[in-house]
N, C-alpha and C. Protein backbone atom coordinates (compact mmCIF):
# COMPACT_ATOMS: atom_id res chain seq x y z
N UNK A 1 8.89 9.60 2.92
CA UNK A 1 10.17 8.74 2.48
C UNK A 1 10.61 9.28 1.27
N UNK A 2 11.50 9.49 0.84
CA UNK A 2 12.48 10.07 -0.16
C UNK A 2 11.37 9.51 -1.47
N UNK A 3 11.64 9.89 -2.56
CA UNK A 3 11.18 9.01 -3.33
C UNK A 3 11.72 10.78 -4.21
N UNK A 4 12.53 9.64 -5.16
CA UNK A 4 13.52 10.81 -7.05
C UNK A 4 13.53 11.78 -6.05
N UNK A 5 14.34 12.08 -4.86
CA UNK A 5 15.03 13.66 -4.48
C UNK A 5 13.44 14.20 -4.26
N UNK A 6 13.05 14.10 -3.72
CA UNK A 6 12.01 14.91 -3.05
C UNK A 6 11.46 13.58 -2.51
N UNK A 7 10.92 14.97 -0.82
CA UNK A 7 10.01 14.40 -0.49
C UNK A 7 8.66 14.07 -0.70
N UNK A 8 8.21 12.68 -0.10
CA UNK A 8 6.62 13.06 -0.29
C UNK A 8 5.70 12.64 0.50
N UNK A 9 4.44 12.50 -0.01
CA UNK A 9 3.32 12.21 2.06
C UNK A 9 3.02 11.37 0.97
N UNK A 10 2.96 10.59 1.30
CA UNK A 10 1.69 9.28 1.47
C UNK A 10 0.45 9.76 0.41
N UNK A 11 0.37 9.04 -1.24
CA UNK A 11 -0.88 9.65 -1.30
C UNK A 11 -1.84 8.32 -1.82
N UNK A 12 -2.75 8.20 -2.22
CA UNK A 12 -3.70 6.95 -3.21
C UNK A 12 -2.67 7.52 -4.99
N UNK A 13 -1.86 8.13 -4.69
CA UNK A 13 -0.77 7.62 -6.37
C UNK A 13 -0.68 6.75 -6.46
N UNK A 14 -0.52 6.22 -7.98
CA UNK A 14 0.45 4.46 -7.52
C UNK A 14 1.21 4.48 -7.94
N UNK A 15 1.73 6.19 -8.60
CA UNK A 15 3.39 5.72 -8.38
C UNK A 15 4.07 6.28 -6.83
N UNK A 16 3.37 6.92 -6.57
CA UNK A 16 3.95 7.40 -4.82
C UNK A 16 4.13 5.64 -3.77
N UNK A 17 2.51 4.79 -3.93
CA UNK A 17 2.96 3.69 -3.98
C UNK A 17 3.69 2.68 -4.59
N UNK A 18 4.07 2.15 -5.38
CA UNK A 18 4.04 1.59 -6.31
C UNK A 18 6.10 1.78 -5.01
N UNK A 19 6.06 3.01 -4.62
CA UNK A 19 7.59 3.23 -4.75
C UNK A 19 7.84 3.49 -3.46
N UNK A 20 6.47 3.08 -2.45
CA UNK A 20 7.24 2.79 -0.84
C UNK A 20 7.03 1.53 -0.69
N UNK A 21 5.88 0.67 -1.79
CA UNK A 21 5.92 -1.16 -1.86
C UNK A 21 7.21 -1.59 -2.28
N UNK A 22 8.90 -1.19 -2.51
CA UNK A 22 9.70 -1.33 -3.45
C UNK A 22 10.13 -1.26 -2.25
N UNK A 23 9.60 0.87 -2.48
CA UNK A 23 11.89 0.93 -1.15
C UNK A 23 11.59 1.67 0.31
N UNK A 24 10.31 1.30 0.48
CA UNK A 24 9.42 2.00 1.93
C UNK A 24 10.31 0.73 3.37
N UNK A 25 9.74 2.32 4.41
CA UNK A 25 11.05 1.14 5.30
C UNK A 25 9.60 0.77 5.64
N UNK A 26 9.14 -0.29 7.61
CA UNK A 26 8.26 -0.29 8.24
C UNK A 26 7.55 0.59 8.20
N UNK A 27 8.78 1.73 9.07
CA UNK A 27 6.90 2.59 9.04
C UNK A 27 6.22 3.53 7.69
N UNK A 28 7.20 3.10 6.78
CA UNK A 28 5.93 3.96 5.75
C UNK A 28 5.19 2.63 5.51
N UNK A 29 5.20 1.31 5.59
CA UNK A 29 4.23 0.28 4.88
C UNK A 29 3.56 0.51 6.63
N UNK A 30 3.66 0.72 7.33
CA UNK A 30 2.55 1.83 8.76
C UNK A 30 1.51 1.76 9.14
N UNK A 31 2.53 3.31 8.02
CA UNK A 31 1.07 4.36 7.59
C UNK A 31 0.41 3.85 6.32
N UNK A 32 0.84 3.04 5.09
CA UNK A 32 0.03 3.29 4.49
C UNK A 32 -0.93 2.06 4.93
N UNK A 33 -0.68 0.91 5.52
CA UNK A 33 -2.00 -0.10 6.06
C UNK A 33 -3.05 0.75 6.57
N UNK A 34 -2.57 1.82 7.32
CA UNK A 34 -2.80 3.03 8.68
C UNK A 34 -4.54 2.92 7.74
N UNK A 35 -3.96 4.33 6.70
CA UNK A 35 -4.34 4.45 5.53
C UNK A 35 -5.49 3.68 4.41
N UNK A 36 -5.30 1.81 4.25
CA UNK A 36 -5.74 0.63 3.93
C UNK A 36 -6.76 0.47 4.72
N UNK A 37 -7.08 1.07 6.46
CA UNK A 37 -7.90 -0.37 6.73
C UNK A 37 -8.92 0.94 7.29
N UNK A 38 -8.77 2.42 6.95
CA UNK A 38 -10.03 4.03 7.49
C UNK A 38 -10.44 2.64 6.38
N UNK A 39 -10.30 3.12 5.22
CA UNK A 39 -11.20 2.66 4.23
C UNK A 39 -10.49 1.31 3.31
N UNK A 40 -11.25 0.15 3.57
CA UNK A 40 -10.63 -0.96 3.15
C UNK A 40 -11.42 -1.50 1.52
N UNK A 41 -12.04 0.08 1.08
CA UNK A 41 -12.92 -0.19 -0.15
C UNK A 41 -12.03 1.45 -1.26
N UNK A 42 -12.05 2.47 0.29
CA UNK A 42 -11.35 3.47 -0.81
C UNK A 42 -10.50 3.42 -2.09
N UNK A 43 -9.17 4.85 -2.14
CA UNK A 43 -8.41 4.96 -3.01
C UNK A 43 -7.31 4.47 -2.21
N UNK A 44 -7.22 3.95 -0.94
CA UNK A 44 -5.49 3.76 -0.97
C UNK A 44 -5.11 2.22 -1.69
N UNK A 45 -6.86 1.56 -0.80
CA UNK A 45 -6.61 0.08 -1.10
C UNK A 45 -7.04 -0.14 -2.45
N UNK A 46 -8.15 0.69 -3.57
CA UNK A 46 -7.42 1.16 -4.35
C UNK A 46 -6.06 0.81 -6.20
N UNK A 47 -5.69 1.54 -5.09
CA UNK A 47 -4.58 2.29 -5.87
C UNK A 47 -2.92 0.86 -5.06
N UNK A 48 -3.42 0.23 -4.42
CA UNK A 48 -2.50 -0.89 -3.54
C UNK A 48 -2.52 -1.44 -4.86
N UNK A 49 -4.07 -2.19 -5.01
CA UNK A 49 -5.17 -3.28 -5.10
C UNK A 49 -3.57 -3.03 -6.60
N UNK A 50 -3.99 -1.54 -7.60
CA UNK A 50 -3.85 -1.63 -9.51
C UNK A 50 -2.69 -2.33 -9.48
N UNK A 51 -1.41 -1.80 -7.92
CA UNK A 51 0.07 -1.25 -8.02
C UNK A 51 -0.13 -3.17 -7.68
N UNK A 52 -1.10 -4.00 -7.19
CA UNK A 52 0.03 -5.49 -6.59
C UNK A 52 -0.73 -5.38 -8.00
N UNK A 53 -1.48 -6.33 -8.57
CA UNK A 53 -2.17 -6.73 -9.93
C UNK A 53 -1.27 -6.33 -11.24
N UNK A 54 0.15 -5.28 -11.14
CA UNK A 54 0.34 -5.57 -12.38
C UNK A 54 1.61 -4.79 -12.21
N UNK A 55 2.35 -5.04 -10.75
CA UNK A 55 3.69 -5.09 -10.76
C UNK A 55 4.13 -6.76 -9.85
N UNK A 56 5.19 -6.90 -9.88
CA UNK A 56 5.29 -7.66 -8.86
C UNK A 56 7.10 -6.95 -7.87
N UNK A 57 6.80 -7.25 -6.72
CA UNK A 57 8.07 -7.25 -6.28
C UNK A 57 8.62 -7.85 -5.41
N UNK A 58 9.21 -8.84 -5.32
CA UNK A 58 9.52 -10.18 -4.75
C UNK A 58 9.61 -10.14 -2.59
N UNK A 59 8.73 -10.25 -2.84
CA UNK A 59 9.26 -10.80 -1.36
C UNK A 59 7.45 -9.54 -0.42
N UNK A 60 7.18 -8.76 -1.52
CA UNK A 60 6.14 -7.92 -0.95
C UNK A 60 4.86 -7.93 -1.41
N UNK A 61 5.42 -8.01 -3.00
CA UNK A 61 3.63 -8.62 -2.70
C UNK A 61 2.91 -9.91 -3.20
N UNK A 62 2.71 -10.28 -2.74
CA UNK A 62 1.60 -11.94 -2.06
C UNK A 62 1.49 -11.17 -0.98
N UNK A 63 2.24 -9.95 -0.41
CA UNK A 63 1.38 -10.29 1.74
C UNK A 63 1.32 -9.22 0.85
N UNK A 64 1.01 -8.21 0.47
CA UNK A 64 0.11 -7.21 0.08
C UNK A 64 -0.88 -7.31 -0.72
N UNK A 65 -1.32 -8.79 -1.95
CA UNK A 65 -2.27 -9.05 -1.64
C UNK A 65 -2.56 -9.44 -0.75
N UNK A 66 -2.99 -10.70 0.16
CA UNK A 66 -2.66 -11.03 1.17
C UNK A 66 -3.66 -9.90 2.53
N UNK A 67 -3.23 -9.03 2.24
CA UNK A 67 -3.87 -8.42 3.29
C UNK A 67 -4.42 -7.39 3.17
N UNK A 68 -5.09 -6.90 0.89
CA UNK A 68 -5.86 -6.40 1.52
C UNK A 68 -7.38 -7.10 1.37
N UNK A 69 -7.35 -8.69 0.57
CA UNK A 69 -7.78 -9.55 0.07
C UNK A 69 -8.96 -9.45 2.16
N UNK A 70 -8.18 -9.75 3.15
CA UNK A 70 -8.03 -10.02 3.97
C UNK A 70 -8.72 -8.30 4.59
N UNK A 71 -8.66 -7.23 4.96
CA UNK A 71 -9.56 -6.03 4.34
C UNK A 71 -10.75 -6.18 4.34
N UNK A 72 -10.48 -6.20 2.70
CA UNK A 72 -11.57 -5.95 2.36
C UNK A 72 -12.59 -6.79 2.62
N UNK A 73 -11.98 -8.19 2.97
CA UNK A 73 -13.39 -9.46 3.08
C UNK A 73 -13.71 -8.99 4.09
N UNK A 74 -13.13 -9.02 5.94
CA UNK A 74 -13.54 -8.07 7.06
C UNK A 74 -13.94 -6.95 7.21
N UNK A 75 -14.11 -5.63 5.51
CA UNK A 75 -14.46 -3.72 6.15
C UNK A 75 -13.66 -3.20 7.02
N UNK A 76 -12.43 -4.65 7.07
CA UNK A 76 -12.29 -4.13 8.17
C UNK A 76 -10.23 -4.17 8.19
N UNK A 77 -9.67 -4.26 8.97
CA UNK A 77 -7.81 -4.70 9.24
C UNK A 77 -8.22 -3.87 10.39
N UNK A 78 -6.68 -4.77 11.21
CA UNK A 78 -5.71 -4.50 12.35
C UNK A 78 -4.25 -4.02 11.56
N UNK A 79 -3.79 -3.06 11.92
CA UNK A 79 -2.48 -2.95 11.13
C UNK A 79 -1.32 -2.36 12.51
């Protein structure tokens, strides 16, 4: 996805995660969800958690919080 005129790959960087959650496409969200599903307690999940607990994106924050909760409760998820 385009991020401030740079092509960025998905990473566990909270600025990149925030940009994906706010302006990413469904394909970007799927990539991020797959990374979270691989390790629900890992760096991607922790970065997403930090972003959604400290930022509010209309219609996005609650969805990702619920997704993380479900993944972490079951220690697995479906993307």
